[in-house]
Amino acid sequence: MSTSLESSISVVIETSEGDDNDVYKAFTHINAIVFHSNAGIGTTNKAIGEISGIAINRQKIPENCYWESFDEHSATMEWVASNLIENRHGRTTLKSLRDAGDDPEFDFFLMENFRMDENQHSDVATFALRKFLRSKEIKGNSQYNDVWFVSSMAYVLSAGQSPNDNDTESTGKRKRDESNTGSSTTDTKHQYHESIPFLRNGFFQDTALVRKDPDNARILVAGVNHFEKDLKSEAEVMPTTRALSRQLSNTKLDGKDAEILSRVETLVNRNYEISMTRSSMNLSSVMIGAATYTRPQDCTDEYQLQILKQDLTIMVNSGGSIAKSTALHAACDKNSIKIVNLLLEMDAASTNTKDALGRTPLLVAAINATGRLSINGIDDTAVVDALLASGASKPDVDSVGMTAYGYFRKSSEISLSMTHYHHQHKITDLEHKLYPPGGPRVMDFAKGLGGSSGFVDYRPEDDEADREMGRCGYDSSGDY
């Protein structure tokens, strides 16, 4: 990489305080304009891009108020920061970021915009990001080279952005041109994948986040120990870039499979709302002694089932797949036993199909059952029973490594103590139904936490250690 190219790039940064929704005055807007002194003939210093985002001073937000603050800012902030930062003390939830030096005494930065002119080379974008990361607004006071204002950062890739064959060909052509001329073709149009400048600067996709939710595949993160390292070459990161593009292009259903899922979701969601409304009305009557309690019922009628079957049959005959659509997962999630039975009748193979999170319908049904635990235990196990009767595999695990038994057991441990002793057998009976041959898995015992999960399991002793160390040792608004 050319030293002269790097020296020709500069960033001019302005900062401003957060908006009126920033109750704790913890947000700082950081906006940078990127300049290139060799951007064109006769041009000495031309603006070629911009970088902007929000720095969050975690020291200014009170305990248990972090997620509330993120929610007030934007939907993206709520999604990303709430995935990366725990609500109690603002500590990172990712083991990778904690190991890379993230500390709640320093800022978290969400990069909201990274834009370069389309004719710019990926080296230009990479150096521009490098200059931004090493600015005093991010790195801090230059006399303390081992201390950064920002200790962790995240960027969200554009939805659906991925390189195609032409991108790969243009990259290859550029490399051949460079080898023939001995120089980089920075003055020609060069389309590069959005992730390349970030990957070269140490950003990465955390697999624990993706296992938690496939939509998180768009989030790239880095800790201070990552982005202070030397730049990687484009060749080093291209395998990761290609894997990212394939992953992002496969996160959404399309065609008839998407239509099948949408059709089933629309019906189960509508009927679920009706069922919950009726249940609430029943509870109100119970409270004034005007009725006896009846558990929520699947209100799907025979006519709805008949029309649904006709619609699904047409979609399947047109190339759709009930199994691939994960429609059975949607029905299990809303405890819709009538639609579950219909889908199993139409495609028994969907019993053990896994969704994007690696979850089978049985696992989804077990998680749903935990939400229906009460003082009376759990009376409705029809969906679980139907799946088991259809051959649902109890040993199957999701992307976290937990079984259906593990998820149900995780919640039932708390509910068991709250359930009347006359009804506790209902919980243990369902546990026995879900118990996998060969016993629970390691992550079942760990309740989805621990070192192998990729997430940090903060315990009371960690909270005590934070208090003893003091949470205001550093203040990113002043000098160290």
Foldseek 3Di string as FASTA:
>chain_A
DDPVQLVQKAKDKDKDWDDPLQPQRFKIKIKIFMWGCPQDVPRRIDTFWMWIWIKGLLLRAAAQCVLVSQVSPDPVSNVPQVQQAPRGRRHGFFPVLVVLPDDSNAIEIEIEDTDGHQQFDLVNSLSNVLNVCPDCLFQNDVVPNVGTRHFKYKYFFDQLFADDPVLVVLVVVQVVVCVVVVDGPRNGGHGDGPCQSVVQQQWDQQVLSCLVPVSSLRMIMDGPNRRVDHGDDSVVCVVVRNVSNVSSVPQDDDDLLQVLLVLLLVVLVVQLVVQVVVQVVQVVCVVVPNHDHDHGDRPDDPVNLVVSLVVNVVSVVVPYDPLQSCSLLSCLLSVNLVVNVSSCVVPLVSLQRAHSSQDHSLLSNLLSQLVVQALLGGDDPNNNVVSVVSPRALCGDTSLRFGSLLNNVVSVVVSLVNHDPVRSVNSVVVSVSSAHVVGTDPCSVVSSDDDVSSTHDDDPVNVVVDVVVDSNPDGSVDHD
